[in-house]
Amino acid sequence: MLSESVEDYLTTILRLKAAGKAATTSALADHLAVARPSVTEMLKRLDANGLVVHEPYRGVRLTQ
């Protein structure tokens, strides 16, 4: 079971990509109203758990 916070991140990434926008750290921070360093830390955790592929300075994408 995923935490609400993790679900919020994954949903926001999906919505940004569906809108044709890059899911960057800045975009996620703006949409989720959190600090950029917090986004970076969460993306590292999501990447480590195989939920996303995070490429620093390029953005993030969901895995299958």
Foldseek 3Di string as FASTA:
>chain_A
DDDPVLVLLVVQCVVCVVVVHAAALVSSCVVVVHDSVVSVVVVVVCVVVQQWDQDPPRGIDGDD
